[in-house]
Amino acid sequence: MIAGRRALAETSFGIATIDLDDDELVSLEPGEPLVRPVAEGVSLPRLVAADAFGARIVAVVDARPPVLISDDAGATWREAGGGLPRGCAVSISREHPDLVLFASETRVYVSSDGGRFWHALAPELVAIVAVAWDD
């Protein structure tokens, strides 16, 4: 799917590593908590999580749809993820900012086009609290 990339998901049982090429769980091991991104200055109603890189901000909100995206540092926003469930975490790839991870409590989703379309990864997990790219 996304050559050579891996996603990390912090769960109540440890850190899950998911291979995006094979769409498989590679490992689930204890580990240090993932660094949760902080998008400075984002003040949206019902904000759950946000990540920013350059002028792009991806925010998870407690609303339908659950994702808001800005490509101009928060001056304007567009809704995304109409089919996604309620979310709890998000992460933008620092190498390829069009790659975005979104997490619900039990599943990780990936977008390779800046949040327009989303693909659910196969592994089901328990109590996801954070996601990150394994760069």
C-alpha atoms as a PDB file:
ATOM      1  CA  MET A   1       0.000   0.000   0.000  1.00  0.00           C
ATOM      2  CA  ILE A   2       2.578   2.571   1.128  1.00  0.00           C
ATOM      3  CA  ALA A   3       5.997   1.143   0.354  1.00  0.00           C
ATOM      4  CA  GLY A   4       8.259   0.609   3.320  1.00  0.00           C
ATOM      5  CA  ARG A   5       6.079   2.438   5.842  1.00  0.00           C
ATOM      6  CA  ARG A   6       4.980   1.358   9.305  1.00  0.00           C
ATOM      7  CA  ALA A   7       2.429   2.828  11.668  1.00  0.00           C
ATOM      8  CA  LEU A   8       2.661   2.736  15.462  1.00  0.00           C
ATOM      9  CA  ALA A   9      -0.353   2.674  17.756  1.00  0.00           C
ATOM     10  CA  GLU A  10      -0.170   3.022  21.517  1.00  0.00           C
ATOM     11  CA  THR A  11      -2.724   0.736  23.140  1.00  0.00           C
ATOM     12  CA  SER A  12      -3.528  -0.407  26.661  1.00  0.00           C
ATOM     13  CA  PHE A  13      -1.440  -3.553  25.935  1.00  0.00           C
ATOM     14  CA  GLY A  14       1.641  -1.844  24.496  1.00  0.00           C
ATOM     15  CA  ILE A  15       2.903  -0.370  21.243  1.00  0.00           C
ATOM     16  CA  ALA A  16       1.538  -2.012  18.107  1.00  0.00           C
ATOM     17  CA  THR A  17       3.593  -1.871  14.916  1.00  0.00           C
ATOM     18  CA  ILE A  18       1.596  -2.241  11.701  1.00  0.00           C
ATOM     19  CA  ASP A  19       3.253  -2.859   8.333  1.00  0.00           C
ATOM     20  CA  LEU A  20       1.377  -0.815   5.723  1.00  0.00           C
ATOM     21  CA  ASP A  21       2.660  -2.895   2.785  1.00  0.00           C
ATOM     22  CA  ASP A  22       1.182  -6.132   4.126  1.00  0.00           C
ATOM     23  CA  ASP A  23      -1.563  -4.505   6.235  1.00  0.00           C
ATOM     24  CA  GLU A  24      -0.495  -6.731   9.147  1.00  0.00           C
ATOM     25  CA  LEU A  25       0.329  -6.413  12.809  1.00  0.00           C
ATOM     26  CA  VAL A  26       4.099  -6.904  13.081  1.00  0.00           C
ATOM     27  CA  SER A  27       4.403  -6.682  16.857  1.00  0.00           C
ATOM     28  CA  LEU A  28       2.652  -5.673  20.056  1.00  0.00           C
ATOM     29  CA  GLU A  29       5.191  -5.022  22.783  1.00  0.00           C
ATOM     30  CA  PRO A  30       5.558  -2.923  25.904  1.00  0.00           C
ATOM     31  CA  GLY A  31       7.272   0.360  25.191  1.00  0.00           C
ATOM     32  CA  GLU A  32       7.572   4.012  25.998  1.00  0.00           C
ATOM     33  CA  PRO A  33       4.395   6.012  25.373  1.00  0.00           C
ATOM     34  CA  LEU A  34       4.257   7.636  21.952  1.00  0.00           C
ATOM     35  CA  VAL A  35       4.780  11.359  21.759  1.00  0.00           C
ATOM     36  CA  ARG A  36       1.406  12.954  21.212  1.00  0.00           C
ATOM     37  CA  PRO A  37       1.591  15.782  18.675  1.00  0.00           C
ATOM     38  CA  VAL A  38       0.762  19.270  19.837  1.00  0.00           C
ATOM     39  CA  ALA A  39      -0.574  21.664  17.229  1.00  0.00           C
ATOM     40  CA  GLU A  40       0.055  25.069  18.793  1.00  0.00           C
ATOM     41  CA  GLY A  41      -2.736  27.605  18.525  1.00  0.00           C
ATOM     42  CA  VAL A  42      -5.470  25.232  17.346  1.00  0.00           C
ATOM     43  CA  SER A  43      -8.669  26.222  19.112  1.00  0.00           C
ATOM     44  CA  LEU A  44     -11.541  24.348  17.543  1.00  0.00           C
ATOM     45  CA  PRO A  45     -14.749  23.414  19.336  1.00  0.00           C
ATOM     46  CA  ARG A  46     -14.776  19.814  20.584  1.00  0.00           C
ATOM     47  CA  LEU A  47     -11.079  19.288  19.718  1.00  0.00           C
ATOM     48  CA  VAL A  48      -9.821  15.801  20.617  1.00  0.00           C
ATOM     49  CA  ALA A  49      -6.345  15.738  19.000  1.00  0.00           C
ATOM     50  CA  ALA A  50      -4.377  17.613  16.352  1.00  0.00           C
ATOM     51  CA  ASP A  51      -1.096  17.450  14.486  1.00  0.00           C
ATOM     52  CA  ALA A  52       0.581  20.081  12.343  1.00  0.00           C
ATOM     53  CA  PHE A  53       3.405  20.089   9.833  1.00  0.00           C
ATOM     54  CA  GLY A  54       4.203  23.215   7.870  1.00  0.00           C
ATOM     55  CA  ALA A  55       0.910  24.928   7.030  1.00  0.00           C
ATOM     56  CA  ARG A  56      -1.076  21.655   7.239  1.00  0.00           C
ATOM     57  CA  ILE A  57      -3.091  20.950  10.382  1.00  0.00           C
ATOM     58  CA  VAL A  58      -5.162  17.804  10.814  1.00  0.00           C
ATOM     59  CA  ALA A  59      -7.567  17.896  13.749  1.00  0.00           C
ATOM     60  CA  VAL A  60      -9.764  15.205  15.265  1.00  0.00           C
ATOM     61  CA  VAL A  61     -12.986  16.622  16.658  1.00  0.00           C
ATOM     62  CA  ASP A  62     -15.871  15.092  18.571  1.00  0.00           C
ATOM     63  CA  ALA A  63     -18.314  15.683  15.697  1.00  0.00           C
ATOM     64  CA  ARG A  64     -19.409  14.228  12.370  1.00  0.00           C
ATOM     65  CA  PRO A  65     -17.291  14.088  10.294  1.00  0.00           C
ATOM     66  CA  PRO A  66     -14.481  13.613  12.807  1.00  0.00           C
ATOM     67  CA  VAL A  67     -11.619  15.221  10.857  1.00  0.00           C
ATOM     68  CA  LEU A  68     -10.951  18.868  10.006  1.00  0.00           C
ATOM     69  CA  ILE A  69      -8.021  19.807   7.761  1.00  0.00           C
ATOM     70  CA  SER A  70      -6.376  23.144   7.150  1.00  0.00           C
ATOM     71  CA  ASP A  71      -3.681  23.729   4.545  1.00  0.00           C
ATOM     72  CA  ASP A  72      -3.200  27.394   5.472  1.00  0.00           C
ATOM     73  CA  ALA A  73      -2.189  27.157   9.160  1.00  0.00           C
ATOM     74  CA  GLY A  74      -5.771  27.285  10.420  1.00  0.00           C
ATOM     75  CA  ALA A  75      -7.115  30.233   8.431  1.00  0.00           C
ATOM     76  CA  THR A  76      -9.653  27.956   6.702  1.00  0.00           C
ATOM     77  CA  TRP A  77     -10.830  24.404   7.389  1.00  0.00           C
ATOM     78  CA  ARG A  78     -12.387  21.602   5.352  1.00  0.00           C
ATOM     79  CA  GLU A  79     -14.256  18.592   6.679  1.00  0.00           C
ATOM     80  CA  ALA A  80     -12.908  15.104   5.975  1.00  0.00           C
ATOM     81  CA  GLY A  81     -13.469  11.524   6.993  1.00  0.00           C
ATOM     82  CA  GLY A  82     -17.235  11.389   6.587  1.00  0.00           C
ATOM     83  CA  GLY A  83     -17.231   7.597   6.926  1.00  0.00           C
ATOM     84  CA  LEU A  84     -14.805   7.418   9.838  1.00  0.00           C
ATOM     85  CA  PRO A  85     -15.872   6.573  13.389  1.00  0.00           C
ATOM     86  CA  ARG A  86     -15.262   8.815  16.409  1.00  0.00           C
ATOM     87  CA  GLY A  87     -11.514   9.422  16.665  1.00  0.00           C
ATOM     88  CA  CYS A  88      -8.914   9.765  19.387  1.00  0.00           C
ATOM     89  CA  ALA A  89      -5.559  10.418  17.669  1.00  0.00           C
ATOM     90  CA  VAL A  90      -3.905  11.679  14.484  1.00  0.00           C
ATOM     91  CA  SER A  91      -0.387  11.909  13.028  1.00  0.00           C
ATOM     92  CA  ILE A  92       1.038  13.534   9.878  1.00  0.00           C
ATOM     93  CA  SER A  93       4.155  12.001   8.300  1.00  0.00           C
ATOM     94  CA  ARG A  94       7.118  14.375   8.458  1.00  0.00           C
ATOM     95  CA  GLU A  95       8.615  12.814   5.322  1.00  0.00           C
ATOM     96  CA  HIS A  96       5.404  12.842   3.240  1.00  0.00           C
ATOM     97  CA  PRO A  97       2.791  15.269   4.671  1.00  0.00           C
ATOM     98  CA  ASP A  98       0.021  13.785   2.502  1.00  0.00           C
ATOM     99  CA  LEU A  99       0.308  10.595   4.600  1.00  0.00           C
ATOM    100  CA  VAL A 100      -1.969  10.862   7.628  1.00  0.00           C
ATOM    101  CA  LEU A 101      -2.857   8.365  10.355  1.00  0.00           C
ATOM    102  CA  PHE A 102      -6.186   8.564  12.191  1.00  0.00           C
ATOM    103  CA  ALA A 103      -7.190   6.293  15.067  1.00  0.00           C
ATOM    104  CA  SER A 104     -10.456   5.279  16.640  1.00  0.00           C
ATOM    105  CA  GLU A 105     -10.375   3.307  19.896  1.00  0.00           C
ATOM    106  CA  THR A 106      -9.929   0.026  18.017  1.00  0.00           C
ATOM    107  CA  ARG A 107      -8.582   0.674  14.534  1.00  0.00           C
ATOM    108  CA  VAL A 108      -6.023   2.732  12.634  1.00  0.00           C
ATOM    109  CA  TYR A 109      -6.875   4.380   9.309  1.00  0.00           C
ATOM    110  CA  VAL A 110      -4.446   5.810   6.768  1.00  0.00           C
ATOM    111  CA  SER A 111      -4.807   8.450   4.066  1.00  0.00           C
ATOM    112  CA  SER A 112      -2.199   8.840   1.345  1.00  0.00           C
ATOM    113  CA  ASP A 113      -3.821  11.903  -0.224  1.00  0.00           C
ATOM    114  CA  GLY A 114      -3.956  14.443   2.588  1.00  0.00           C
ATOM    115  CA  GLY A 115      -7.209  13.191   4.117  1.00  0.00           C
ATOM    116  CA  ARG A 116      -9.506  12.925   1.105  1.00  0.00           C
ATOM    117  CA  PHE A 117      -9.776   9.130   1.161  1.00  0.00           C
ATOM    118  CA  TRP A 118      -9.145   6.777   4.094  1.00  0.00           C
ATOM    119  CA  HIS A 119      -8.280   3.070   4.299  1.00  0.00           C
ATOM    120  CA  ALA A 120      -8.916   1.031   7.453  1.00  0.00           C
ATOM    121  CA  LEU A 121      -5.948  -1.110   8.420  1.00  0.00           C
ATOM    122  CA  ALA A 122      -6.828  -4.755   9.095  1.00  0.00           C
ATOM    123  CA  PRO A 123      -5.551  -5.211  12.666  1.00  0.00           C
ATOM    124  CA  GLU A 124      -8.142  -4.577  15.366  1.00  0.00           C
ATOM    125  CA  LEU A 125      -6.614  -3.278  18.579  1.00  0.00           C
ATOM    126  CA  VAL A 126      -7.843  -2.351  22.056  1.00  0.00           C
ATOM    127  CA  ALA A 127      -7.918   1.120  23.613  1.00  0.00           C
ATOM    128  CA  ILE A 128      -5.756   3.088  21.170  1.00  0.00           C
ATOM    129  CA  VAL A 129      -4.651   6.409  22.672  1.00  0.00           C
ATOM    130  CA  ALA A 130      -1.991   7.632  20.209  1.00  0.00           C
ATOM    131  CA  VAL A 131      -0.581   6.971  16.731  1.00  0.00           C
ATOM    132  CA  ALA A 132       2.701   7.829  15.060  1.00  0.00           C
ATOM    133  CA  TRP A 133       4.750   7.068  11.989  1.00  0.00           C
ATOM    134  CA  ASP A 134       7.688   4.704  12.472  1.00  0.00           C
ATOM    135  CA  ASP A 135      10.167   6.972  10.697  1.00  0.00           C
END
